[in-house]
Amino acid sequence: MAEGINTFRFTSRFRKEYRGLPKEIQEAFDQKLTLLMNDMKHPSLRIKRIQGTRSRWEGSVTMKYRFVFEFDEGLAIFRAIGTHDILNQS
C-alpha cells in the first residue's frame, strides 16, 4: 500500500449502507476516515488487504463494524460498510 490517501469517494452502495447505520457508528466511521487520511498505518484502523485481491482493503470502525475500500495511487474508493459479514459480499 502506498504512503497515503490524497482523495476519496464513496460508491452508491457505501452511501446507502452508511445511511442505514446507527448514528454512533456513522460518527465512529467519520473519525476513522479522518484518521485514515492522516495516518493510514494507525493501529486502531487495523487496515489489511482482503485475501485474494490486489487492491481491496478492509479497515475497522469498531470490533463489529468494518469498511471496505479499493486503493489506487492515492485514491480510496469506499465500497461497503457494515458488520464483519460485508467482507463476504465485497
N, C-alpha and C. Protein backbone atom coordinates (compact mmCIF):
# COMPACT_ATOMS: atom_id res chain seq x y z
N MET A 1 0.86 -1.17 0.00
CA MET A 1 0.00 0.00 0.00
C MET A 1 0.90 1.23 0.00
N ALA A 2 0.52 2.22 -0.75
CA ALA A 2 1.29 3.46 -0.82
C ALA A 2 1.23 4.20 0.51
N GLU A 3 1.92 5.29 0.56
CA GLU A 3 2.07 6.01 1.82
C GLU A 3 0.82 6.75 2.30
N GLY A 4 -0.08 7.14 1.39
CA GLY A 4 -1.21 7.89 1.87
C GLY A 4 -2.34 8.03 0.87
N ILE A 5 -3.45 8.55 1.38
CA ILE A 5 -4.63 8.80 0.57
C ILE A 5 -4.70 10.30 0.31
N ASN A 6 -4.76 10.67 -0.95
CA ASN A 6 -4.88 12.08 -1.32
C ASN A 6 -6.34 12.50 -1.45
N THR A 7 -7.16 11.59 -1.91
CA THR A 7 -8.57 11.89 -2.11
C THR A 7 -9.38 10.59 -1.96
N PHE A 8 -10.69 10.74 -1.83
CA PHE A 8 -11.53 9.55 -1.68
C PHE A 8 -12.90 9.84 -2.26
N ARG A 9 -13.63 8.76 -2.50
CA ARG A 9 -15.04 8.89 -2.90
C ARG A 9 -15.79 7.67 -2.39
N PHE A 10 -17.11 7.79 -2.37
CA PHE A 10 -17.98 6.73 -1.88
C PHE A 10 -18.83 6.19 -3.02
N THR A 11 -18.97 4.88 -3.09
CA THR A 11 -19.88 4.29 -4.07
C THR A 11 -21.31 4.49 -3.58
N SER A 12 -22.26 4.29 -4.47
CA SER A 12 -23.68 4.43 -4.07
C SER A 12 -24.03 3.36 -3.03
N ARG A 13 -23.47 2.17 -3.17
CA ARG A 13 -23.70 1.12 -2.17
C ARG A 13 -23.21 1.57 -0.79
N PHE A 14 -22.01 2.14 -0.74
CA PHE A 14 -21.46 2.59 0.53
C PHE A 14 -22.37 3.65 1.15
N ARG A 15 -22.80 4.62 0.36
CA ARG A 15 -23.67 5.69 0.87
C ARG A 15 -24.95 5.13 1.46
N LYS A 16 -25.55 4.17 0.76
CA LYS A 16 -26.80 3.55 1.24
C LYS A 16 -26.56 2.81 2.56
N GLU A 17 -25.50 2.02 2.62
CA GLU A 17 -25.20 1.27 3.84
C GLU A 17 -24.88 2.22 5.00
N TYR A 18 -24.13 3.28 4.72
CA TYR A 18 -23.77 4.26 5.74
C TYR A 18 -25.03 4.89 6.34
N ARG A 19 -25.97 5.28 5.49
CA ARG A 19 -27.21 5.90 5.98
C ARG A 19 -28.01 4.96 6.88
N GLY A 20 -27.87 3.65 6.67
CA GLY A 20 -28.59 2.67 7.47
C GLY A 20 -27.93 2.30 8.80
N LEU A 21 -26.73 2.83 9.04
CA LEU A 21 -26.00 2.51 10.28
C LEU A 21 -26.53 3.32 11.46
N PRO A 22 -26.36 2.80 12.66
CA PRO A 22 -26.68 3.60 13.85
C PRO A 22 -25.83 4.88 13.86
N LYS A 23 -26.37 5.94 14.40
CA LYS A 23 -25.69 7.24 14.41
C LYS A 23 -24.29 7.15 15.03
N GLU A 24 -24.14 6.39 16.10
CA GLU A 24 -22.82 6.30 16.75
C GLU A 24 -21.79 5.60 15.87
N ILE A 25 -22.23 4.69 15.01
CA ILE A 25 -21.31 4.02 14.09
C ILE A 25 -20.95 4.98 12.95
N GLN A 26 -21.91 5.76 12.49
CA GLN A 26 -21.61 6.79 11.49
C GLN A 26 -20.54 7.75 12.02
N GLU A 27 -20.72 8.20 13.25
CA GLU A 27 -19.76 9.13 13.85
C GLU A 27 -18.40 8.46 14.04
N ALA A 28 -18.39 7.20 14.42
CA ALA A 28 -17.12 6.47 14.58
C ALA A 28 -16.41 6.34 13.23
N PHE A 29 -17.17 6.06 12.15
CA PHE A 29 -16.55 5.98 10.83
C PHE A 29 -15.98 7.34 10.43
N ASP A 30 -16.72 8.41 10.67
CA ASP A 30 -16.23 9.74 10.33
C ASP A 30 -14.88 10.02 11.00
N GLN A 31 -14.76 9.61 12.24
CA GLN A 31 -13.48 9.79 12.95
C GLN A 31 -12.40 8.90 12.34
N LYS A 32 -12.74 7.67 11.98
CA LYS A 32 -11.76 6.77 11.36
C LYS A 32 -11.33 7.29 9.99
N LEU A 33 -12.25 7.90 9.26
CA LEU A 33 -11.90 8.46 7.95
C LEU A 33 -10.87 9.57 8.11
N THR A 34 -11.07 10.43 9.08
CA THR A 34 -10.10 11.49 9.36
C THR A 34 -8.75 10.89 9.72
N LEU A 35 -8.77 9.88 10.55
CA LEU A 35 -7.55 9.20 10.95
C LEU A 35 -6.86 8.55 9.75
N LEU A 36 -7.64 7.90 8.91
CA LEU A 36 -7.11 7.25 7.72
C LEU A 36 -6.44 8.26 6.79
N MET A 37 -7.04 9.41 6.63
CA MET A 37 -6.47 10.45 5.76
C MET A 37 -5.14 10.97 6.32
N ASN A 38 -4.99 10.96 7.63
CA ASN A 38 -3.78 11.49 8.26
C ASN A 38 -2.70 10.44 8.52
N ASP A 39 -3.11 9.20 8.76
CA ASP A 39 -2.14 8.16 9.13
C ASP A 39 -2.72 6.78 8.80
N MET A 40 -2.50 6.32 7.59
CA MET A 40 -3.06 5.03 7.14
C MET A 40 -2.59 3.86 7.99
N LYS A 41 -1.48 4.02 8.66
CA LYS A 41 -0.91 2.91 9.42
C LYS A 41 -1.29 2.95 10.90
N HIS A 42 -2.22 3.82 11.26
CA HIS A 42 -2.61 3.90 12.66
C HIS A 42 -3.17 2.54 13.10
N PRO A 43 -2.70 2.02 14.22
CA PRO A 43 -3.11 0.66 14.64
C PRO A 43 -4.61 0.47 14.87
N SER A 44 -5.32 1.51 15.26
CA SER A 44 -6.75 1.34 15.53
C SER A 44 -7.56 1.11 14.25
N LEU A 45 -7.00 1.44 13.10
CA LEU A 45 -7.69 1.20 11.83
C LEU A 45 -7.65 -0.27 11.42
N ARG A 46 -6.61 -0.97 11.84
CA ARG A 46 -6.43 -2.39 11.52
C ARG A 46 -6.63 -2.65 10.01
N ILE A 47 -5.97 -1.85 9.20
CA ILE A 47 -6.07 -1.97 7.74
C ILE A 47 -5.32 -3.22 7.28
N LYS A 48 -5.98 -4.00 6.42
CA LYS A 48 -5.31 -5.14 5.82
C LYS A 48 -5.96 -5.45 4.48
N ARG A 49 -5.17 -6.03 3.60
CA ARG A 49 -5.67 -6.40 2.27
C ARG A 49 -6.64 -7.56 2.43
N ILE A 50 -7.71 -7.52 1.64
CA ILE A 50 -8.66 -8.63 1.62
C ILE A 50 -8.02 -9.78 0.85
N GLN A 51 -7.98 -10.92 1.47
CA GLN A 51 -7.32 -12.09 0.91
C GLN A 51 -7.85 -12.40 -0.48
N GLY A 52 -6.93 -12.64 -1.41
CA GLY A 52 -7.31 -12.99 -2.77
C GLY A 52 -7.55 -11.80 -3.68
N THR A 53 -7.28 -10.58 -3.20
CA THR A 53 -7.46 -9.38 -4.03
C THR A 53 -6.14 -8.64 -4.14
N ARG A 54 -6.06 -7.76 -5.12
CA ARG A 54 -4.85 -6.94 -5.29
C ARG A 54 -5.02 -5.56 -4.69
N SER A 55 -6.22 -5.01 -4.78
CA SER A 55 -6.38 -3.62 -4.40
C SER A 55 -7.54 -3.35 -3.44
N ARG A 56 -8.14 -4.39 -2.90
CA ARG A 56 -9.24 -4.20 -1.94
C ARG A 56 -8.71 -4.40 -0.53
N TRP A 57 -9.14 -3.49 0.32
CA TRP A 57 -8.67 -3.46 1.70
C TRP A 57 -9.85 -3.36 2.65
N GLU A 58 -9.64 -3.79 3.87
CA GLU A 58 -10.65 -3.63 4.91
C GLU A 58 -10.04 -2.86 6.07
N GLY A 59 -10.89 -2.17 6.78
CA GLY A 59 -10.47 -1.47 7.98
C GLY A 59 -11.57 -1.57 9.03
N SER A 60 -11.22 -1.29 10.26
CA SER A 60 -12.17 -1.42 11.36
C SER A 60 -12.74 -0.07 11.77
N VAL A 61 -14.05 -0.04 11.92
CA VAL A 61 -14.72 1.09 12.55
C VAL A 61 -14.76 0.80 14.05
N THR A 62 -15.27 -0.38 14.37
CA THR A 62 -15.28 -0.91 15.74
C THR A 62 -14.90 -2.39 15.61
N MET A 63 -14.94 -3.10 16.68
CA MET A 63 -14.65 -4.53 16.59
C MET A 63 -15.72 -5.27 15.79
N LYS A 64 -16.92 -4.73 15.71
CA LYS A 64 -18.02 -5.36 14.99
C LYS A 64 -18.18 -4.83 13.57
N TYR A 65 -17.88 -3.57 13.35
CA TYR A 65 -18.13 -2.93 12.05
C TYR A 65 -16.85 -2.72 11.27
N ARG A 66 -16.95 -2.97 9.95
CA ARG A 66 -15.82 -2.84 9.04
C ARG A 66 -16.20 -1.95 7.86
N PHE A 67 -15.18 -1.44 7.19
CA PHE A 67 -15.38 -0.78 5.91
C PHE A 67 -14.44 -1.41 4.90
N VAL A 68 -14.87 -1.41 3.65
CA VAL A 68 -14.09 -1.98 2.56
C VAL A 68 -13.82 -0.86 1.56
N PHE A 69 -12.56 -0.79 1.13
CA PHE A 69 -12.23 0.22 0.13
C PHE A 69 -11.22 -0.34 -0.85
N GLU A 70 -11.21 0.30 -2.01
CA GLU A 70 -10.24 -0.02 -3.03
C GLU A 70 -9.25 1.13 -3.06
N PHE A 71 -7.98 0.80 -3.20
CA PHE A 71 -6.94 1.82 -3.11
C PHE A 71 -6.10 1.78 -4.37
N ASP A 72 -5.90 2.96 -4.98
CA ASP A 72 -5.08 3.04 -6.17
C ASP A 72 -4.48 4.43 -6.29
N GLU A 73 -3.18 4.51 -6.18
CA GLU A 73 -2.42 5.75 -6.40
C GLU A 73 -3.01 6.95 -5.67
N GLY A 74 -3.23 6.82 -4.40
CA GLY A 74 -3.69 7.94 -3.59
C GLY A 74 -5.19 8.13 -3.55
N LEU A 75 -5.95 7.36 -4.31
CA LEU A 75 -7.41 7.44 -4.32
C LEU A 75 -7.98 6.24 -3.58
N ALA A 76 -8.86 6.51 -2.63
CA ALA A 76 -9.58 5.45 -1.92
C ALA A 76 -11.04 5.50 -2.36
N ILE A 77 -11.53 4.39 -2.83
CA ILE A 77 -12.95 4.27 -3.20
C ILE A 77 -13.60 3.37 -2.16
N PHE A 78 -14.43 3.96 -1.33
CA PHE A 78 -15.10 3.21 -0.27
C PHE A 78 -16.29 2.48 -0.88
N ARG A 79 -16.27 1.13 -0.75
CA ARG A 79 -17.24 0.28 -1.41
C ARG A 79 -18.34 -0.25 -0.52
N ALA A 80 -18.04 -0.51 0.75
CA ALA A 80 -19.03 -1.12 1.64
C ALA A 80 -18.70 -0.77 3.08
N ILE A 81 -19.75 -0.78 3.91
CA ILE A 81 -19.57 -0.58 5.35
C ILE A 81 -20.68 -1.35 6.06
N GLY A 82 -20.32 -2.01 7.14
CA GLY A 82 -21.31 -2.78 7.89
C GLY A 82 -20.62 -3.74 8.84
N THR A 83 -21.37 -4.73 9.29
CA THR A 83 -20.79 -5.71 10.19
C THR A 83 -19.78 -6.56 9.42
N HIS A 84 -19.07 -7.37 10.12
CA HIS A 84 -17.99 -8.16 9.53
C HIS A 84 -18.47 -8.98 8.33
N ASP A 85 -19.75 -9.28 8.24
CA ASP A 85 -20.31 -10.07 7.14
C ASP A 85 -20.12 -9.41 5.78
N ILE A 86 -19.91 -8.09 5.72
CA ILE A 86 -19.74 -7.43 4.42
C ILE A 86 -18.52 -7.94 3.68
N LEU A 87 -17.57 -8.49 4.41
CA LEU A 87 -16.36 -8.98 3.78
C LEU A 87 -16.66 -10.16 2.85
N ASN A 88 -17.73 -10.88 3.12
CA ASN A 88 -18.13 -12.00 2.28
C ASN A 88 -18.87 -11.53 1.02
N GLN A 89 -19.29 -10.27 1.00
CA GLN A 89 -20.10 -9.74 -0.08
C GLN A 89 -19.35 -8.74 -0.95
N SER A 90 -18.13 -8.37 -0.58
CA SER A 90 -17.42 -7.29 -1.26
C SER A 90 -16.73 -7.71 -2.51
